[in-house]
Each structure stands twice: as C-alpha cells, then as structure tokens.
Amino acid sequence: MTSVDGPITQIAWVVTDMDATERFFETCFGVRRWTRIPDVPFGPDTCTYRGEPADFTAHISLAYRGDMQLELIQPVRGQSIYTEFLERGGPGLHHICMEPADFDAAIAAAAERGAPVVQRGEMSGGEMRFAYLDGGTHGVPYIELAEIGPNMRTFFQQLAKDAE
C-alpha cells in the first residue's frame, strides 16, 4: 500500500483580517514580505467542495520564512472549507501542505486510510492541483496535498528569493 508522503512545504492560516495577520507575522516572526493575490476565484469547472461543484472567492497572501511558505487565506464569497472553518471556530491554523511525488497515488492512499478529500481543484490552467484531506480528528484541521507545475514553481521560487 502506498503511503502519503512528501515534504511539508507550506503552513496556512484562515483569517478574517489579512492586514492585522500580516503585521503580526512581520512584528513577531520577522516575515519581511507578503505577496497578496486578491479575489482568487475557485469555480465549479475546476474545484469541488464536499463532492459538489464549488464557487467561491478568497484573498490569498504568501510569504516565506526560510524555505517554508506561509499562506494566509481570507474567504470573500461563497461556501468553502475556509468559511466552514471560520464558522466553527474563528481564524487560526488551517492546514499544512505536502507535495507528494505522486499526487494521484497519495490521494488514493489517503482514501484507503479513511482520510477523505473535502475540497479539491486546480489553478492556473493546471499549474497546480490540490486536495484537502480532513485531519481534524487528529489535531490538524486539514492536510493539503499539492502538485506544483513548472510555471507555478518558478513563481514560488521568485517569491522566496524576494523574501530574502
């Protein structure tokens, strides 16, 4: 049986105040530069939420602390695991992201072990595929599995370089 493995490449928080959270990380943890991507659409042609076509929008902000990508997500419109998370308990640590060598095999392995996909999709014309697994009963609200294409990888590398 294949395991769900791969490096942890990101830690993410769902927030209600992007400005305040960015300032907190800058002041307390020395994060130097955030890159905001406002109004990121997740549509029914590329994303599902709890097995149904999704239609929501979120503001995203990315930064680096060493090699670790930090992500802030602020839901703007529609239902998603981000709005669900806020409704259940307010802002906070939402997920860690792993990049398995074989994305599809990792999702299948997770399903075999009882970790269902609750939200999945792709972005930027297939440059990134993602799937969120429910990890709430084990202390991490969600585990994101991601497959990053070459153009998205170049974008992330430039963000990391700019953060130095």
N, C-alpha and C. Protein backbone atom coordinates (compact mmCIF):
# COMPACT_ATOMS: atom_id res chain seq x y z
N MET A 1 0.85 -1.17 0.00
CA MET A 1 0.00 0.00 0.00
C MET A 1 0.90 1.25 0.00
N THR A 2 0.62 2.18 -0.88
CA THR A 2 1.37 3.42 -0.98
C THR A 2 1.07 4.30 0.22
N SER A 3 2.08 5.02 0.70
CA SER A 3 1.85 5.94 1.80
C SER A 3 1.67 7.36 1.25
N VAL A 4 1.11 8.19 2.09
CA VAL A 4 1.00 9.61 1.77
C VAL A 4 2.27 10.25 2.31
N ASP A 5 3.18 10.61 1.42
CA ASP A 5 4.44 11.18 1.86
C ASP A 5 4.80 12.37 1.00
N GLY A 6 5.91 12.96 1.31
CA GLY A 6 6.38 14.14 0.59
C GLY A 6 6.72 15.22 1.58
N PRO A 7 7.51 16.18 1.16
CA PRO A 7 7.92 17.25 2.07
C PRO A 7 6.75 18.16 2.43
N ILE A 8 6.79 18.67 3.66
CA ILE A 8 5.85 19.72 4.07
C ILE A 8 6.42 21.02 3.56
N THR A 9 5.66 21.71 2.72
CA THR A 9 6.17 22.90 2.05
C THR A 9 5.44 24.18 2.43
N GLN A 10 4.33 24.04 3.19
CA GLN A 10 3.53 25.23 3.49
C GLN A 10 2.77 25.04 4.79
N ILE A 11 2.60 26.15 5.50
CA ILE A 11 1.70 26.23 6.66
C ILE A 11 0.73 27.35 6.35
N ALA A 12 -0.57 27.12 6.58
CA ALA A 12 -1.57 28.12 6.19
C ALA A 12 -2.57 28.40 7.31
N TRP A 13 -3.00 29.64 7.33
CA TRP A 13 -3.99 30.11 8.29
C TRP A 13 -5.17 30.69 7.52
N VAL A 14 -6.36 30.50 8.06
CA VAL A 14 -7.54 31.19 7.54
C VAL A 14 -7.80 32.36 8.49
N VAL A 15 -7.99 33.54 7.91
CA VAL A 15 -8.05 34.77 8.70
C VAL A 15 -9.26 35.61 8.31
N THR A 16 -9.59 36.54 9.18
CA THR A 16 -10.65 37.50 8.88
C THR A 16 -10.10 38.90 8.63
N ASP A 17 -8.82 39.12 9.00
CA ASP A 17 -8.19 40.43 8.83
C ASP A 17 -6.77 40.22 8.31
N MET A 18 -6.63 40.25 7.00
CA MET A 18 -5.34 40.00 6.35
C MET A 18 -4.29 40.99 6.82
N ASP A 19 -4.63 42.28 6.89
CA ASP A 19 -3.65 43.29 7.30
C ASP A 19 -3.09 43.00 8.69
N ALA A 20 -3.96 42.75 9.64
CA ALA A 20 -3.53 42.51 11.01
C ALA A 20 -2.68 41.25 11.12
N THR A 21 -3.04 40.21 10.40
CA THR A 21 -2.28 38.96 10.48
C THR A 21 -0.91 39.12 9.83
N GLU A 22 -0.84 39.81 8.70
CA GLU A 22 0.47 40.07 8.08
C GLU A 22 1.36 40.84 9.05
N ARG A 23 0.82 41.89 9.68
CA ARG A 23 1.61 42.70 10.62
C ARG A 23 2.09 41.85 11.80
N PHE A 24 1.22 40.96 12.29
CA PHE A 24 1.61 40.08 13.40
C PHE A 24 2.82 39.24 13.02
N PHE A 25 2.80 38.62 11.85
CA PHE A 25 3.92 37.79 11.43
C PHE A 25 5.17 38.63 11.17
N GLU A 26 5.00 39.83 10.67
CA GLU A 26 6.14 40.71 10.44
C GLU A 26 6.78 41.12 11.77
N THR A 27 5.97 41.54 12.72
CA THR A 27 6.45 42.03 14.00
C THR A 27 7.01 40.92 14.88
N CYS A 28 6.29 39.83 14.99
CA CYS A 28 6.67 38.76 15.93
C CYS A 28 7.62 37.73 15.35
N PHE A 29 7.59 37.52 14.04
CA PHE A 29 8.36 36.41 13.47
C PHE A 29 9.29 36.83 12.34
N GLY A 30 9.42 38.13 12.09
CA GLY A 30 10.40 38.61 11.13
C GLY A 30 10.07 38.32 9.68
N VAL A 31 8.82 38.04 9.37
CA VAL A 31 8.45 37.86 7.96
C VAL A 31 8.61 39.21 7.29
N ARG A 32 9.33 39.24 6.18
CA ARG A 32 9.69 40.52 5.57
C ARG A 32 8.75 40.99 4.47
N ARG A 33 8.20 40.05 3.72
CA ARG A 33 7.45 40.48 2.54
C ARG A 33 6.31 39.53 2.26
N TRP A 34 5.13 40.08 2.14
CA TRP A 34 3.93 39.32 1.75
C TRP A 34 3.58 39.68 0.32
N THR A 35 3.11 38.72 -0.42
CA THR A 35 2.60 38.95 -1.77
C THR A 35 1.12 38.61 -1.76
N ARG A 36 0.30 39.63 -1.97
CA ARG A 36 -1.14 39.43 -1.94
C ARG A 36 -1.67 39.15 -3.34
N ILE A 37 -2.59 38.21 -3.38
CA ILE A 37 -3.30 37.87 -4.61
C ILE A 37 -4.78 38.00 -4.27
N PRO A 38 -5.37 39.16 -4.60
CA PRO A 38 -6.77 39.38 -4.22
C PRO A 38 -7.74 38.65 -5.14
N ASP A 39 -8.90 38.34 -4.58
CA ASP A 39 -10.04 37.82 -5.33
C ASP A 39 -9.70 36.63 -6.22
N VAL A 40 -9.10 35.59 -5.63
CA VAL A 40 -8.78 34.37 -6.37
C VAL A 40 -10.06 33.56 -6.53
N PRO A 41 -10.49 33.32 -7.77
CA PRO A 41 -11.73 32.57 -7.99
C PRO A 41 -11.51 31.06 -7.98
N PHE A 42 -12.41 30.36 -7.36
CA PHE A 42 -12.45 28.90 -7.39
C PHE A 42 -13.83 28.56 -7.94
N GLY A 43 -13.88 28.10 -9.18
CA GLY A 43 -15.16 27.89 -9.84
C GLY A 43 -15.51 26.43 -10.02
N PRO A 44 -16.76 26.18 -10.38
CA PRO A 44 -17.27 24.81 -10.50
C PRO A 44 -16.60 23.99 -11.59
N ASP A 45 -15.95 24.65 -12.54
CA ASP A 45 -15.26 23.90 -13.59
C ASP A 45 -13.90 23.38 -13.15
N THR A 46 -13.35 23.90 -12.04
CA THR A 46 -12.02 23.48 -11.60
C THR A 46 -11.93 23.10 -10.13
N CYS A 47 -13.03 23.17 -9.39
CA CYS A 47 -12.95 22.94 -7.94
C CYS A 47 -14.22 22.28 -7.42
N THR A 48 -14.04 21.40 -6.43
CA THR A 48 -15.19 20.82 -5.74
C THR A 48 -15.04 21.06 -4.24
N TYR A 49 -16.18 21.15 -3.59
CA TYR A 49 -16.26 21.31 -2.14
C TYR A 49 -17.27 20.29 -1.64
N ARG A 50 -16.79 19.36 -0.83
CA ARG A 50 -17.62 18.27 -0.29
C ARG A 50 -18.34 17.51 -1.41
N GLY A 51 -17.59 17.29 -2.51
CA GLY A 51 -18.08 16.47 -3.61
C GLY A 51 -18.97 17.16 -4.62
N GLU A 52 -19.26 18.43 -4.40
CA GLU A 52 -20.11 19.21 -5.30
C GLU A 52 -19.30 20.31 -5.96
N PRO A 53 -19.73 20.77 -7.14
CA PRO A 53 -19.01 21.89 -7.77
C PRO A 53 -18.95 23.10 -6.83
N ALA A 54 -17.80 23.71 -6.75
CA ALA A 54 -17.58 24.83 -5.84
C ALA A 54 -17.64 26.15 -6.59
N ASP A 55 -17.98 27.20 -5.87
CA ASP A 55 -17.99 28.54 -6.44
C ASP A 55 -17.73 29.52 -5.31
N PHE A 56 -16.46 29.87 -5.12
CA PHE A 56 -16.11 30.79 -4.04
C PHE A 56 -14.89 31.61 -4.43
N THR A 57 -14.64 32.64 -3.67
CA THR A 57 -13.52 33.55 -3.91
C THR A 57 -12.79 33.78 -2.58
N ALA A 58 -11.47 33.90 -2.66
CA ALA A 58 -10.68 34.17 -1.46
C ALA A 58 -9.52 35.09 -1.80
N HIS A 59 -9.13 35.91 -0.84
CA HIS A 59 -7.88 36.66 -0.93
C HIS A 59 -6.79 35.73 -0.40
N ILE A 60 -5.64 35.72 -1.07
CA ILE A 60 -4.51 34.89 -0.66
C ILE A 60 -3.30 35.81 -0.46
N SER A 61 -2.53 35.54 0.58
CA SER A 61 -1.29 36.26 0.80
C SER A 61 -0.20 35.22 1.10
N LEU A 62 0.93 35.34 0.41
CA LEU A 62 2.02 34.37 0.54
C LEU A 62 3.29 35.06 1.01
N ALA A 63 4.04 34.36 1.85
CA ALA A 63 5.35 34.83 2.31
C ALA A 63 6.22 33.61 2.55
N TYR A 64 7.49 33.88 2.80
CA TYR A 64 8.42 32.80 3.12
C TYR A 64 9.14 33.13 4.41
N ARG A 65 9.37 32.10 5.18
CA ARG A 65 10.23 32.14 6.37
C ARG A 65 11.21 31.00 6.16
N GLY A 66 12.42 31.33 5.69
CA GLY A 66 13.35 30.30 5.24
C GLY A 66 12.77 29.64 4.01
N ASP A 67 12.76 28.31 4.00
CA ASP A 67 12.20 27.57 2.86
C ASP A 67 10.70 27.32 3.00
N MET A 68 10.13 27.67 4.14
CA MET A 68 8.72 27.37 4.39
C MET A 68 7.82 28.48 3.84
N GLN A 69 6.87 28.08 3.02
CA GLN A 69 5.89 29.04 2.53
C GLN A 69 4.80 29.21 3.58
N LEU A 70 4.45 30.46 3.85
CA LEU A 70 3.34 30.80 4.74
C LEU A 70 2.21 31.33 3.87
N GLU A 71 1.00 30.90 4.17
CA GLU A 71 -0.15 31.33 3.38
C GLU A 71 -1.24 31.82 4.32
N LEU A 72 -1.81 32.96 3.96
CA LEU A 72 -2.99 33.47 4.65
C LEU A 72 -4.14 33.43 3.64
N ILE A 73 -5.29 32.95 4.10
CA ILE A 73 -6.46 32.83 3.24
C ILE A 73 -7.61 33.56 3.92
N GLN A 74 -8.19 34.50 3.20
CA GLN A 74 -9.36 35.22 3.72
C GLN A 74 -10.51 35.01 2.75
N PRO A 75 -11.50 34.21 3.16
CA PRO A 75 -12.64 33.99 2.27
C PRO A 75 -13.39 35.29 2.02
N VAL A 76 -13.86 35.44 0.78
CA VAL A 76 -14.56 36.66 0.39
C VAL A 76 -16.02 36.38 0.04
N ARG A 77 -16.25 35.26 -0.68
CA ARG A 77 -17.59 34.96 -1.18
C ARG A 77 -17.74 33.46 -1.35
N GLY A 78 -18.94 32.95 -1.10
CA GLY A 78 -19.26 31.55 -1.34
C GLY A 78 -18.85 30.64 -0.19
N GLN A 79 -19.30 29.38 -0.27
CA GLN A 79 -19.01 28.38 0.76
C GLN A 79 -17.79 27.55 0.38
N SER A 80 -16.94 27.27 1.36
CA SER A 80 -15.72 26.50 1.15
C SER A 80 -15.29 25.94 2.50
N ILE A 81 -14.21 25.18 2.50
CA ILE A 81 -13.68 24.73 3.78
C ILE A 81 -13.12 25.90 4.58
N TYR A 82 -12.84 27.00 3.92
CA TYR A 82 -12.35 28.19 4.62
C TYR A 82 -13.48 28.87 5.41
N THR A 83 -14.63 29.05 4.79
CA THR A 83 -15.77 29.65 5.51
C THR A 83 -16.26 28.70 6.59
N GLU A 84 -16.27 27.42 6.28
CA GLU A 84 -16.68 26.40 7.25
C GLU A 84 -15.77 26.46 8.48
N PHE A 85 -14.49 26.60 8.27
CA PHE A 85 -13.52 26.68 9.36
C PHE A 85 -13.78 27.90 10.23
N LEU A 86 -14.01 29.05 9.61
CA LEU A 86 -14.29 30.27 10.38
C LEU A 86 -15.58 30.14 11.18
N GLU A 87 -16.59 29.55 10.58
CA GLU A 87 -17.88 29.38 11.28
C GLU A 87 -17.74 28.48 12.49
N ARG A 88 -16.88 27.45 12.39
CA ARG A 88 -16.72 26.50 13.50
C ARG A 88 -15.92 27.07 14.66
N GLY A 89 -14.93 27.90 14.38
CA GLY A 89 -14.09 28.32 15.49
C GLY A 89 -13.31 29.60 15.32
N GLY A 90 -13.56 30.33 14.24
CA GLY A 90 -12.83 31.57 14.03
C GLY A 90 -11.50 31.34 13.35
N PRO A 91 -10.72 32.41 13.19
CA PRO A 91 -9.45 32.32 12.47
C PRO A 91 -8.45 31.44 13.20
N GLY A 92 -7.52 30.88 12.40
CA GLY A 92 -6.47 30.08 13.01
C GLY A 92 -5.75 29.21 12.01
N LEU A 93 -4.86 28.36 12.55
CA LEU A 93 -4.10 27.43 11.74
C LEU A 93 -5.08 26.52 11.01
N HIS A 94 -4.97 26.46 9.70
CA HIS A 94 -5.93 25.72 8.87
C HIS A 94 -5.36 24.44 8.29
N HIS A 95 -4.16 24.51 7.72
CA HIS A 95 -3.60 23.30 7.13
C HIS A 95 -2.09 23.37 6.99
N ILE A 96 -1.52 22.18 6.83
CA ILE A 96 -0.16 22.05 6.35
C ILE A 96 -0.26 21.45 4.96
N CYS A 97 0.69 21.77 4.12
CA CYS A 97 0.67 21.27 2.74
C CYS A 97 1.88 20.39 2.49
N MET A 98 1.61 19.24 1.90
CA MET A 98 2.66 18.30 1.50
C MET A 98 2.63 18.19 -0.01
N GLU A 99 3.81 17.96 -0.59
CA GLU A 99 3.92 17.76 -2.03
C GLU A 99 4.39 16.33 -2.30
N PRO A 100 3.44 15.40 -2.43
CA PRO A 100 3.84 14.01 -2.69
C PRO A 100 4.42 13.85 -4.09
N ALA A 101 5.29 12.87 -4.25
CA ALA A 101 5.88 12.59 -5.56
C ALA A 101 4.82 12.18 -6.57
N ASP A 102 3.81 11.45 -6.12
CA ASP A 102 2.72 11.00 -6.99
C ASP A 102 1.40 11.47 -6.38
N PHE A 103 0.90 12.58 -6.86
CA PHE A 103 -0.31 13.22 -6.32
C PHE A 103 -1.50 12.27 -6.31
N ASP A 104 -1.79 11.65 -7.44
CA ASP A 104 -2.96 10.77 -7.53
C ASP A 104 -2.84 9.56 -6.61
N ALA A 105 -1.65 8.97 -6.53
CA ALA A 105 -1.44 7.82 -5.65
C ALA A 105 -1.59 8.23 -4.19
N ALA A 106 -1.14 9.42 -3.84
CA ALA A 106 -1.25 9.90 -2.46
C ALA A 106 -2.71 10.09 -2.07
N ILE A 107 -3.53 10.62 -2.98
CA ILE A 107 -4.96 10.78 -2.70
C ILE A 107 -5.61 9.41 -2.52
N ALA A 108 -5.27 8.47 -3.37
CA ALA A 108 -5.83 7.12 -3.26
C ALA A 108 -5.41 6.47 -1.94
N ALA A 109 -4.13 6.64 -1.56
CA ALA A 109 -3.64 6.07 -0.30
C ALA A 109 -4.36 6.69 0.89
N ALA A 110 -4.58 7.99 0.84
CA ALA A 110 -5.29 8.66 1.93
C ALA A 110 -6.72 8.13 2.05
N ALA A 111 -7.38 7.95 0.92
CA ALA A 111 -8.74 7.42 0.93
C ALA A 111 -8.77 6.01 1.52
N GLU A 112 -7.78 5.19 1.18
CA GLU A 112 -7.70 3.83 1.74
C GLU A 112 -7.58 3.85 3.25
N ARG A 113 -6.97 4.90 3.77
CA ARG A 113 -6.75 5.02 5.21
C ARG A 113 -7.84 5.83 5.91
N GLY A 114 -8.89 6.17 5.19
CA GLY A 114 -10.01 6.87 5.80
C GLY A 114 -9.87 8.37 5.92
N ALA A 115 -9.02 8.97 5.11
CA ALA A 115 -8.85 10.43 5.11
C ALA A 115 -9.51 10.98 3.84
N PRO A 116 -10.77 11.37 3.93
CA PRO A 116 -11.49 11.79 2.73
C PRO A 116 -11.05 13.17 2.22
N VAL A 117 -11.15 13.34 0.91
CA VAL A 117 -10.92 14.64 0.29
C VAL A 117 -12.19 15.47 0.50
N VAL A 118 -12.04 16.65 1.07
CA VAL A 118 -13.20 17.51 1.31
C VAL A 118 -13.27 18.69 0.34
N GLN A 119 -12.13 19.02 -0.24
CA GLN A 119 -12.11 20.08 -1.26
C GLN A 119 -10.92 19.80 -2.17
N ARG A 120 -11.13 19.99 -3.46
CA ARG A 120 -10.03 19.76 -4.40
C ARG A 120 -10.23 20.61 -5.63
N GLY A 121 -9.14 20.79 -6.37
CA GLY A 121 -9.25 21.57 -7.59
C GLY A 121 -7.92 21.76 -8.26
N GLU A 122 -7.96 22.65 -9.24
CA GLU A 122 -6.73 23.03 -9.93
C GLU A 122 -6.78 24.52 -10.19
N MET A 123 -5.59 25.07 -10.36
CA MET A 123 -5.45 26.52 -10.57
C MET A 123 -4.52 26.79 -11.73
N SER A 124 -4.63 27.97 -12.27
CA SER A 124 -3.72 28.48 -13.30
C SER A 124 -3.56 27.52 -14.46
N GLY A 125 -4.68 27.06 -14.98
CA GLY A 125 -4.65 26.20 -16.15
C GLY A 125 -3.95 24.87 -15.91
N GLY A 126 -4.06 24.35 -14.69
CA GLY A 126 -3.45 23.07 -14.37
C GLY A 126 -2.06 23.17 -13.79
N GLU A 127 -1.57 24.39 -13.55
CA GLU A 127 -0.23 24.56 -12.97
C GLU A 127 -0.16 24.11 -11.52
N MET A 128 -1.31 23.97 -10.90
CA MET A 128 -1.34 23.46 -9.52
C MET A 128 -2.61 22.66 -9.34
N ARG A 129 -2.45 21.45 -8.81
CA ARG A 129 -3.60 20.66 -8.37
C ARG A 129 -3.50 20.54 -6.86
N PHE A 130 -4.64 20.57 -6.19
CA PHE A 130 -4.64 20.48 -4.73
C PHE A 130 -5.82 19.65 -4.26
N ALA A 131 -5.64 19.05 -3.09
CA ALA A 131 -6.70 18.29 -2.44
C ALA A 131 -6.53 18.44 -0.94
N TYR A 132 -7.61 18.78 -0.26
CA TYR A 132 -7.58 18.91 1.19
C TYR A 132 -8.18 17.65 1.81
N LEU A 133 -7.42 17.05 2.72
CA LEU A 133 -7.86 15.88 3.46
C LEU A 133 -8.28 16.32 4.86
N ASP A 134 -9.34 15.73 5.37
CA ASP A 134 -9.81 16.06 6.71
C ASP A 134 -8.91 15.41 7.74
N GLY A 135 -8.24 16.23 8.53
CA GLY A 135 -7.36 15.73 9.59
C GLY A 135 -7.80 16.17 10.96
N GLY A 136 -9.01 16.72 11.06
CA GLY A 136 -9.50 17.33 12.29
C GLY A 136 -9.50 16.41 13.50
N THR A 137 -9.81 15.14 13.31
CA THR A 137 -9.84 14.24 14.46
C THR A 137 -8.44 13.87 14.93
N HIS A 138 -7.42 14.32 14.19
CA HIS A 138 -6.04 14.01 14.54
C HIS A 138 -5.23 15.25 14.87
N GLY A 139 -5.89 16.38 15.10
CA GLY A 139 -5.20 17.57 15.57
C GLY A 139 -4.78 18.58 14.53
N VAL A 140 -4.93 18.25 13.26
CA VAL A 140 -4.65 19.22 12.20
C VAL A 140 -5.94 19.35 11.40
N PRO A 141 -6.52 20.54 11.36
CA PRO A 141 -7.82 20.64 10.67
C PRO A 141 -7.79 20.00 9.28
N TYR A 142 -6.80 20.36 8.47
CA TYR A 142 -6.71 19.81 7.12
C TYR A 142 -5.25 19.57 6.75
N ILE A 143 -5.06 18.59 5.88
CA ILE A 143 -3.77 18.34 5.24
C ILE A 143 -4.02 18.60 3.76
N GLU A 144 -3.23 19.48 3.17
CA GLU A 144 -3.36 19.73 1.74
C GLU A 144 -2.27 18.94 1.02
N LEU A 145 -2.68 18.25 -0.04
CA LEU A 145 -1.73 17.63 -0.95
C LEU A 145 -1.70 18.50 -2.19
N ALA A 146 -0.51 18.77 -2.70
CA ALA A 146 -0.38 19.66 -3.86
C ALA A 146 0.57 19.09 -4.89
N GLU A 147 0.25 19.35 -6.13
CA GLU A 147 1.12 19.05 -7.26
C GLU A 147 1.37 20.38 -7.96
N ILE A 148 2.63 20.77 -8.00
CA ILE A 148 3.01 22.10 -8.49
C ILE A 148 3.68 21.96 -9.86
N GLY A 149 3.15 22.66 -10.86
CA GLY A 149 3.73 22.66 -12.20
C GLY A 149 4.91 23.60 -12.31
N PRO A 150 5.64 23.54 -13.42
CA PRO A 150 6.88 24.33 -13.55
C PRO A 150 6.68 25.84 -13.49
N ASN A 151 5.62 26.37 -14.06
CA ASN A 151 5.42 27.83 -14.01
C ASN A 151 5.05 28.30 -12.61
N MET A 152 4.22 27.54 -11.91
CA MET A 152 3.87 27.89 -10.53
C MET A 152 5.10 27.74 -9.64
N ARG A 153 5.92 26.72 -9.88
CA ARG A 153 7.14 26.52 -9.10
C ARG A 153 8.07 27.72 -9.28
N THR A 154 8.21 28.21 -10.51
CA THR A 154 9.05 29.38 -10.77
C THR A 154 8.51 30.60 -10.03
N PHE A 155 7.19 30.78 -10.03
CA PHE A 155 6.57 31.89 -9.30
C PHE A 155 6.90 31.78 -7.81
N PHE A 156 6.74 30.60 -7.22
CA PHE A 156 7.03 30.41 -5.79
C PHE A 156 8.51 30.66 -5.51
N GLN A 157 9.39 30.20 -6.39
CA GLN A 157 10.83 30.41 -6.19
C GLN A 157 11.18 31.90 -6.21
N GLN A 158 10.51 32.65 -7.07
CA GLN A 158 10.76 34.10 -7.12
C GLN A 158 10.26 34.77 -5.83
N LEU A 159 9.11 34.33 -5.31
CA LEU A 159 8.63 34.88 -4.04
C LEU A 159 9.62 34.60 -2.92
N ALA A 160 10.14 33.38 -2.88
CA ALA A 160 11.11 33.02 -1.85
C ALA A 160 12.39 33.86 -1.98
N LYS A 161 12.85 34.06 -3.19
CA LYS A 161 14.05 34.86 -3.44
C LYS A 161 13.81 36.32 -3.00
N ASP A 162 12.63 36.86 -3.33
CA ASP A 162 12.30 38.23 -2.96
C ASP A 162 12.20 38.41 -1.44
N ALA A 163 11.90 37.31 -0.74
CA ALA A 163 11.74 37.38 0.72
C ALA A 163 13.08 37.42 1.45
N GLU A 164 14.17 37.08 0.78
CA GLU A 164 15.49 37.02 1.44
C GLU A 164 15.99 38.39 1.85
